[in-house]
Amino acid sequence: MSPDLAEHDHCRYCGDSVPSDQAYCSLDCYHRHQAILRKERMKEVFWTVAAFAGVVVILALGILF
């Protein structure tokens, strides 16, 4: 039988145990996770713009030829 554990959650970046009212164990983990999220967001924006540009090029070529 497992002992009773206090209410806790896990850090969103490193997975360490934190109180249930916190999302990160330290400011360092918070900043690192925000950097990862920002990088992922930039990738999504890049691929969205690239896809839109591809559609525009295909439509332009279809009109020209």
PDB file of N, CA and C in Angstrom:
ATOM      1  N   MET A   1       0.830  -1.173   0.000  1.00  0.00           N
ATOM      2  CA  MET A   1       0.000   0.000   0.000  1.00  0.00           C
ATOM      3  C   MET A   1       0.881   1.244   0.000  1.00  0.00           C
ATOM      4  N   SER A   2       0.535   2.218  -0.841  1.00  0.00           N
ATOM      5  CA  SER A   2       1.366   3.419  -0.953  1.00  0.00           C
ATOM      6  C   SER A   2       1.006   4.420   0.142  1.00  0.00           C
ATOM      7  N   PRO A   3       2.002   5.159   0.614  1.00  0.00           N
ATOM      8  CA  PRO A   3       1.733   6.172   1.649  1.00  0.00           C
ATOM      9  C   PRO A   3       0.946   7.334   1.051  1.00  0.00           C
ATOM     10  N   ASP A   4       0.229   8.057   1.904  1.00  0.00           N
ATOM     11  CA  ASP A   4      -0.518   9.225   1.445  1.00  0.00           C
ATOM     12  C   ASP A   4       0.464  10.337   1.069  1.00  0.00           C
ATOM     13  N   LEU A   5       0.310  10.845  -0.139  1.00  0.00           N
ATOM     14  CA  LEU A   5       1.169  11.927  -0.609  1.00  0.00           C
ATOM     15  C   LEU A   5       0.394  13.230  -0.591  1.00  0.00           C
ATOM     16  N   ALA A   6       1.096  14.305  -0.317  1.00  0.00           N
ATOM     17  CA  ALA A   6       0.460  15.625  -0.342  1.00  0.00           C
ATOM     18  C   ALA A   6       0.042  15.951  -1.773  1.00  0.00           C
ATOM     19  N   GLU A   7      -0.985  16.798  -1.907  1.00  0.00           N
ATOM     20  CA  GLU A   7      -1.413  17.219  -3.240  1.00  0.00           C
ATOM     21  C   GLU A   7      -0.230  17.855  -3.956  1.00  0.00           C
ATOM     22  N   HIS A   8       0.051  17.348  -5.132  1.00  0.00           N
ATOM     23  CA  HIS A   8       1.161  17.909  -5.890  1.00  0.00           C
ATOM     24  C   HIS A   8       0.903  17.752  -7.384  1.00  0.00           C
ATOM     25  N   ASP A   9       1.705  18.434  -8.154  1.00  0.00           N
ATOM     26  CA  ASP A   9       1.668  18.360  -9.603  1.00  0.00           C
ATOM     27  C   ASP A   9       3.114  18.186 -10.048  1.00  0.00           C
ATOM     28  N   HIS A  10       3.347  18.247 -11.345  1.00  0.00           N
ATOM     29  CA  HIS A  10       4.705  18.102 -11.849  1.00  0.00           C
ATOM     30  C   HIS A  10       5.060  19.279 -12.737  1.00  0.00           C
ATOM     31  N   CYS A  11       6.316  19.680 -12.684  1.00  0.00           N
ATOM     32  CA  CYS A  11       6.821  20.792 -13.473  1.00  0.00           C
ATOM     33  C   CYS A  11       6.586  20.500 -14.955  1.00  0.00           C
ATOM     34  N   ARG A  12       6.097  21.485 -15.684  1.00  0.00           N
ATOM     35  CA  ARG A  12       5.797  21.308 -17.102  1.00  0.00           C
ATOM     36  C   ARG A  12       7.055  21.141 -17.942  1.00  0.00           C
ATOM     37  N   TYR A  13       8.203  21.543 -17.420  1.00  0.00           N
ATOM     38  CA  TYR A  13       9.440  21.436 -18.186  1.00  0.00           C
ATOM     39  C   TYR A  13      10.259  20.204 -17.799  1.00  0.00           C
ATOM     40  N   CYS A  14      10.563  20.073 -16.514  1.00  0.00           N
ATOM     41  CA  CYS A  14      11.475  18.995 -16.107  1.00  0.00           C
ATOM     42  C   CYS A  14      10.783  17.812 -15.438  1.00  0.00           C
ATOM     43  N   GLY A  15       9.537  17.995 -14.999  1.00  0.00           N
ATOM     44  CA  GLY A  15       8.804  16.883 -14.400  1.00  0.00           C
ATOM     45  C   GLY A  15       8.996  16.707 -12.910  1.00  0.00           C
ATOM     46  N   ASP A  16       9.769  17.587 -12.273  1.00  0.00           N
ATOM     47  CA  ASP A  16       9.941  17.503 -10.821  1.00  0.00           C
ATOM     48  C   ASP A  16       8.609  17.786 -10.118  1.00  0.00           C
ATOM     49  N   SER A  17       8.491  17.294  -8.932  1.00  0.00           N
ATOM     50  CA  SER A  17       7.285  17.487  -8.134  1.00  0.00           C
ATOM     51  C   SER A  17       7.206  18.930  -7.650  1.00  0.00           C
ATOM     52  N   VAL A  18       6.009  19.540  -7.810  1.00  0.00           N
ATOM     53  CA  VAL A  18       5.775  20.911  -7.347  1.00  0.00           C
ATOM     54  C   VAL A  18       4.420  20.962  -6.649  1.00  0.00           C
ATOM     55  N   PRO A  19       4.176  21.983  -5.812  1.00  0.00           N
ATOM     56  CA  PRO A  19       2.848  22.124  -5.205  1.00  0.00           C
ATOM     57  C   PRO A  19       1.776  22.252  -6.293  1.00  0.00           C
ATOM     58  N   SER A  20       0.571  21.861  -5.996  1.00  0.00           N
ATOM     59  CA  SER A  20      -0.482  21.811  -7.011  1.00  0.00           C
ATOM     60  C   SER A  20      -0.870  23.177  -7.548  1.00  0.00           C
ATOM     61  N   ASP A  21      -0.521  24.259  -6.856  1.00  0.00           N
ATOM     62  CA  ASP A  21      -0.857  25.597  -7.350  1.00  0.00           C
ATOM     63  C   ASP A  21       0.241  26.202  -8.222  1.00  0.00           C
ATOM     64  N   GLN A  22       1.309  25.449  -8.495  1.00  0.00           N
ATOM     65  CA  GLN A  22       2.404  25.926  -9.331  1.00  0.00           C
ATOM     66  C   GLN A  22       2.501  25.065 -10.590  1.00  0.00           C
ATOM     67  N   ALA A  23       2.972  25.668 -11.665  1.00  0.00           N
ATOM     68  CA  ALA A  23       3.150  24.926 -12.913  1.00  0.00           C
ATOM     69  C   ALA A  23       4.617  24.569 -13.156  1.00  0.00           C
ATOM     70  N   TYR A  24       5.532  25.321 -12.568  1.00  0.00           N
ATOM     71  CA  TYR A  24       6.967  25.112 -12.786  1.00  0.00           C
ATOM     72  C   TYR A  24       7.680  25.076 -11.443  1.00  0.00           C
ATOM     73  N   CYS A  25       8.814  24.397 -11.405  1.00  0.00           N
ATOM     74  CA  CYS A  25       9.560  24.308 -10.148  1.00  0.00           C
ATOM     75  C   CYS A  25      10.473  25.513  -9.935  1.00  0.00           C
ATOM     76  N   SER A  26      10.822  26.217 -11.021  1.00  0.00           N
ATOM     77  CA  SER A  26      11.688  27.386 -10.891  1.00  0.00           C
ATOM     78  C   SER A  26      11.465  28.327 -12.074  1.00  0.00           C
ATOM     79  N   LEU A  27      11.989  29.533 -11.954  1.00  0.00           N
ATOM     80  CA  LEU A  27      11.901  30.489 -13.059  1.00  0.00           C
ATOM     81  C   LEU A  27      12.717  30.014 -14.257  1.00  0.00           C
ATOM     82  N   ASP A  28      13.798  29.302 -13.989  1.00  0.00           N
ATOM     83  CA  ASP A  28      14.619  28.768 -15.076  1.00  0.00           C
ATOM     84  C   ASP A  28      13.793  27.804 -15.937  1.00  0.00           C
ATOM     85  N   CYS A  29      13.063  26.888 -15.305  1.00  0.00           N
ATOM     86  CA  CYS A  29      12.215  25.956 -16.048  1.00  0.00           C
ATOM     87  C   CYS A  29      11.126  26.708 -16.808  1.00  0.00           C
ATOM     88  N   TYR A  30      10.560  27.746 -16.194  1.00  0.00           N
ATOM     89  CA  TYR A  30       9.532  28.543 -16.859  1.00  0.00           C
ATOM     90  C   TYR A  30      10.087  29.188 -18.123  1.00  0.00           C
ATOM     91  N   HIS A  31      11.256  29.822 -18.024  1.00  0.00           N
ATOM     92  CA  HIS A  31      11.843  30.505 -19.177  1.00  0.00           C
ATOM     93  C   HIS A  31      12.251  29.514 -20.262  1.00  0.00           C
ATOM     94  N   ARG A  32      12.785  28.377 -19.885  1.00  0.00           N
ATOM     95  CA  ARG A  32      13.157  27.365 -20.881  1.00  0.00           C
ATOM     96  C   ARG A  32      11.931  26.823 -21.609  1.00  0.00           C
ATOM     97  N   HIS A  33      10.856  26.589 -20.876  1.00  0.00           N
ATOM     98  CA  HIS A  33       9.628  26.074 -21.500  1.00  0.00           C
ATOM     99  C   HIS A  33       9.018  27.131 -22.416  1.00  0.00           C
ATOM    100  N   GLN A  34       9.035  28.395 -21.999  1.00  0.00           N
ATOM    101  CA  GLN A  34       8.524  29.473 -22.844  1.00  0.00           C
ATOM    102  C   GLN A  34       9.336  29.593 -24.131  1.00  0.00           C
ATOM    103  N   ALA A  35      10.644  29.389 -24.053  1.00  0.00           N
ATOM    104  CA  ALA A  35      11.491  29.442 -25.249  1.00  0.00           C
ATOM    105  C   ALA A  35      11.124  28.312 -26.216  1.00  0.00           C
ATOM    106  N   ILE A  36      10.851  27.135 -25.689  1.00  0.00           N
ATOM    107  CA  ILE A  36      10.445  26.016 -26.532  1.00  0.00           C
ATOM    108  C   ILE A  36       9.101  26.304 -27.189  1.00  0.00           C
ATOM    109  N   LEU A  37       8.152  26.821 -26.418  1.00  0.00           N
ATOM    110  CA  LEU A  37       6.841  27.151 -26.973  1.00  0.00           C
ATOM    111  C   LEU A  37       6.944  28.229 -28.048  1.00  0.00           C
ATOM    112  N   ARG A  38       7.792  29.226 -27.822  1.00  0.00           N
ATOM    113  CA  ARG A  38       7.990  30.297 -28.798  1.00  0.00           C
ATOM    114  C   ARG A  38       8.587  29.742 -30.096  1.00  0.00           C
ATOM    115  N   LYS A  39       9.540  28.833 -29.960  1.00  0.00           N
ATOM    116  CA  LYS A  39      10.174  28.216 -31.132  1.00  0.00           C
ATOM    117  C   LYS A  39       9.156  27.390 -31.925  1.00  0.00           C
ATOM    118  N   GLU A  40       8.318  26.631 -31.237  1.00  0.00           N
ATOM    119  CA  GLU A  40       7.288  25.841 -31.902  1.00  0.00           C
ATOM    120  C   GLU A  40       6.279  26.741 -32.611  1.00  0.00           C
ATOM    121  N   ARG A  41       5.897  27.850 -31.971  1.00  0.00           N
ATOM    122  CA  ARG A  41       4.962  28.794 -32.567  1.00  0.00           C
ATOM    123  C   ARG A  41       5.545  29.398 -33.844  1.00  0.00           C
ATOM    124  N   MET A  42       6.837  29.732 -33.821  1.00  0.00           N
ATOM    125  CA  MET A  42       7.489  30.293 -35.003  1.00  0.00           C
ATOM    126  C   MET A  42       7.530  29.280 -36.147  1.00  0.00           C
ATOM    127  N   LYS A  43       7.744  28.000 -35.828  1.00  0.00           N
ATOM    128  CA  LYS A  43       7.717  26.951 -36.853  1.00  0.00           C
ATOM    129  C   LYS A  43       6.340  26.873 -37.493  1.00  0.00           C
ATOM    130  N   GLU A  44       5.297  26.919 -36.675  1.00  0.00           N
ATOM    131  CA  GLU A  44       3.933  26.855 -37.198  1.00  0.00           C
ATOM    132  C   GLU A  44       3.641  28.047 -38.108  1.00  0.00           C
ATOM    133  N   VAL A  45       4.079  29.240 -37.709  1.00  0.00           N
ATOM    134  CA  VAL A  45       3.869  30.430 -38.528  1.00  0.00           C
ATOM    135  C   VAL A  45       4.630  30.290 -39.850  1.00  0.00           C
ATOM    136  N   PHE A  46       5.864  29.825 -39.794  1.00  0.00           N
ATOM    137  CA  PHE A  46       6.664  29.644 -41.008  1.00  0.00           C
ATOM    138  C   PHE A  46       5.977  28.703 -41.983  1.00  0.00           C
ATOM    139  N   TRP A  47       5.529  27.552 -41.506  1.00  0.00           N
ATOM    140  CA  TRP A  47       4.916  26.578 -42.405  1.00  0.00           C
ATOM    141  C   TRP A  47       3.559  27.052 -42.918  1.00  0.00           C
ATOM    142  N   THR A  48       2.837  27.817 -42.140  1.00  0.00           N
ATOM    143  CA  THR A  48       1.573  28.386 -42.607  1.00  0.00           C
ATOM    144  C   THR A  48       1.823  29.386 -43.727  1.00  0.00           C
ATOM    145  N   VAL A  49       2.805  30.253 -43.551  1.00  0.00           N
ATOM    146  CA  VAL A  49       3.145  31.231 -44.586  1.00  0.00           C
ATOM    147  C   VAL A  49       3.679  30.516 -45.826  1.00  0.00           C
ATOM    148  N   ALA A  50       4.505  29.493 -45.644  1.00  0.00           N
ATOM    149  CA  ALA A  50       5.041  28.743 -46.786  1.00  0.00           C
ATOM    150  C   ALA A  50       3.924  28.059 -47.565  1.00  0.00           C
ATOM    151  N   ALA A  51       2.956  27.481 -46.874  1.00  0.00           N
ATOM    152  CA  ALA A  51       1.836  26.828 -47.549  1.00  0.00           C
ATOM    153  C   ALA A  51       0.997  27.853 -48.308  1.00  0.00           C
ATOM    154  N   PHE A  52       0.736  28.989 -47.695  1.00  0.00           N
ATOM    155  CA  PHE A  52      -0.033  30.042 -48.356  1.00  0.00           C
ATOM    156  C   PHE A  52       0.706  30.550 -49.591  1.00  0.00           C
ATOM    157  N   ALA A  53       2.009  30.755 -49.475  1.00  0.00           N
ATOM    158  CA  ALA A  53       2.808  31.205 -50.618  1.00  0.00           C
ATOM    159  C   ALA A  53       2.788  30.160 -51.730  1.00  0.00           C
ATOM    160  N   GLY A  54       2.838  28.889 -51.377  1.00  0.00           N
ATOM    161  CA  GLY A  54       2.765  27.828 -52.379  1.00  0.00           C
ATOM    162  C   GLY A  54       1.448  27.853 -53.134  1.00  0.00           C
ATOM    163  N   VAL A  55       0.368  28.058 -52.434  1.00  0.00           N
ATOM    164  CA  VAL A  55      -0.951  28.135 -53.072  1.00  0.00           C
ATOM    165  C   VAL A  55      -1.004  29.330 -54.014  1.00  0.00           C
ATOM    166  N   VAL A  56      -0.475  30.466 -53.575  1.00  0.00           N
ATOM    167  CA  VAL A  56      -0.460  31.669 -54.409  1.00  0.00           C
ATOM    168  C   VAL A  56       0.354  31.421 -55.679  1.00  0.00           C
ATOM    169  N   VAL A  57       1.499  30.788 -55.554  1.00  0.00           N
ATOM    170  CA  VAL A  57       2.338  30.495 -56.729  1.00  0.00           C
ATOM    171  C   VAL A  57       1.612  29.556 -57.686  1.00  0.00           C
ATOM    172  N   ILE A  58       0.994  28.525 -57.174  1.00  0.00           N
ATOM    173  CA  ILE A  58       0.266  27.574 -58.023  1.00  0.00           C
ATOM    174  C   ILE A  58      -0.879  28.285 -58.744  1.00  0.00           C
ATOM    175  N   LEU A  59      -1.629  29.115 -58.036  1.00  0.00           N
ATOM    176  CA  LEU A  59      -2.733  29.850 -58.676  1.00  0.00           C
ATOM    177  C   LEU A  59      -2.200  30.831 -59.717  1.00  0.00           C
ATOM    178  N   ALA A  60      -1.101  31.506 -59.431  1.00  0.00           N
ATOM    179  CA  ALA A  60      -0.526  32.451 -60.387  1.00  0.00           C
ATOM    180  C   ALA A  60      -0.058  31.731 -61.650  1.00  0.00           C
ATOM    181  N   LEU A  61       0.582  30.578 -61.474  1.00  0.00           N
ATOM    182  CA  LEU A  61       1.033  29.805 -62.639  1.00  0.00           C
ATOM    183  C   LEU A  61      -0.152  29.303 -63.446  1.00  0.00           C
ATOM    184  N   GLY A  62      -1.226  28.937 -62.774  1.00  0.00           N
ATOM    185  CA  GLY A  62      -2.415  28.479 -63.471  1.00  0.00           C
ATOM    186  C   GLY A  62      -3.054  29.592 -64.291  1.00  0.00           C
ATOM    187  N   ILE A  63      -3.003  30.804 -63.789  1.00  0.00           N
ATOM    188  CA  ILE A  63      -3.558  31.937 -64.521  1.00  0.00           C
ATOM    189  C   ILE A  63      -2.667  32.306 -65.698  1.00  0.00           C
ATOM    190  N   LEU A  64      -1.364  32.261 -65.510  1.00  0.00           N
ATOM    191  CA  LEU A  64      -0.409  32.645 -66.567  1.00  0.00           C
ATOM    192  C   LEU A  64      -0.329  31.621 -67.691  1.00  0.00           C
ATOM    193  N   PHE A  65      -0.442  30.368 -67.398  1.00  0.00           N
ATOM    194  CA  PHE A  65      -0.273  29.342 -68.435  1.00  0.00           C
ATOM    195  C   PHE A  65      -1.571  28.668 -68.641  1.00  0.00           C
TER     196      PHE A  65
END
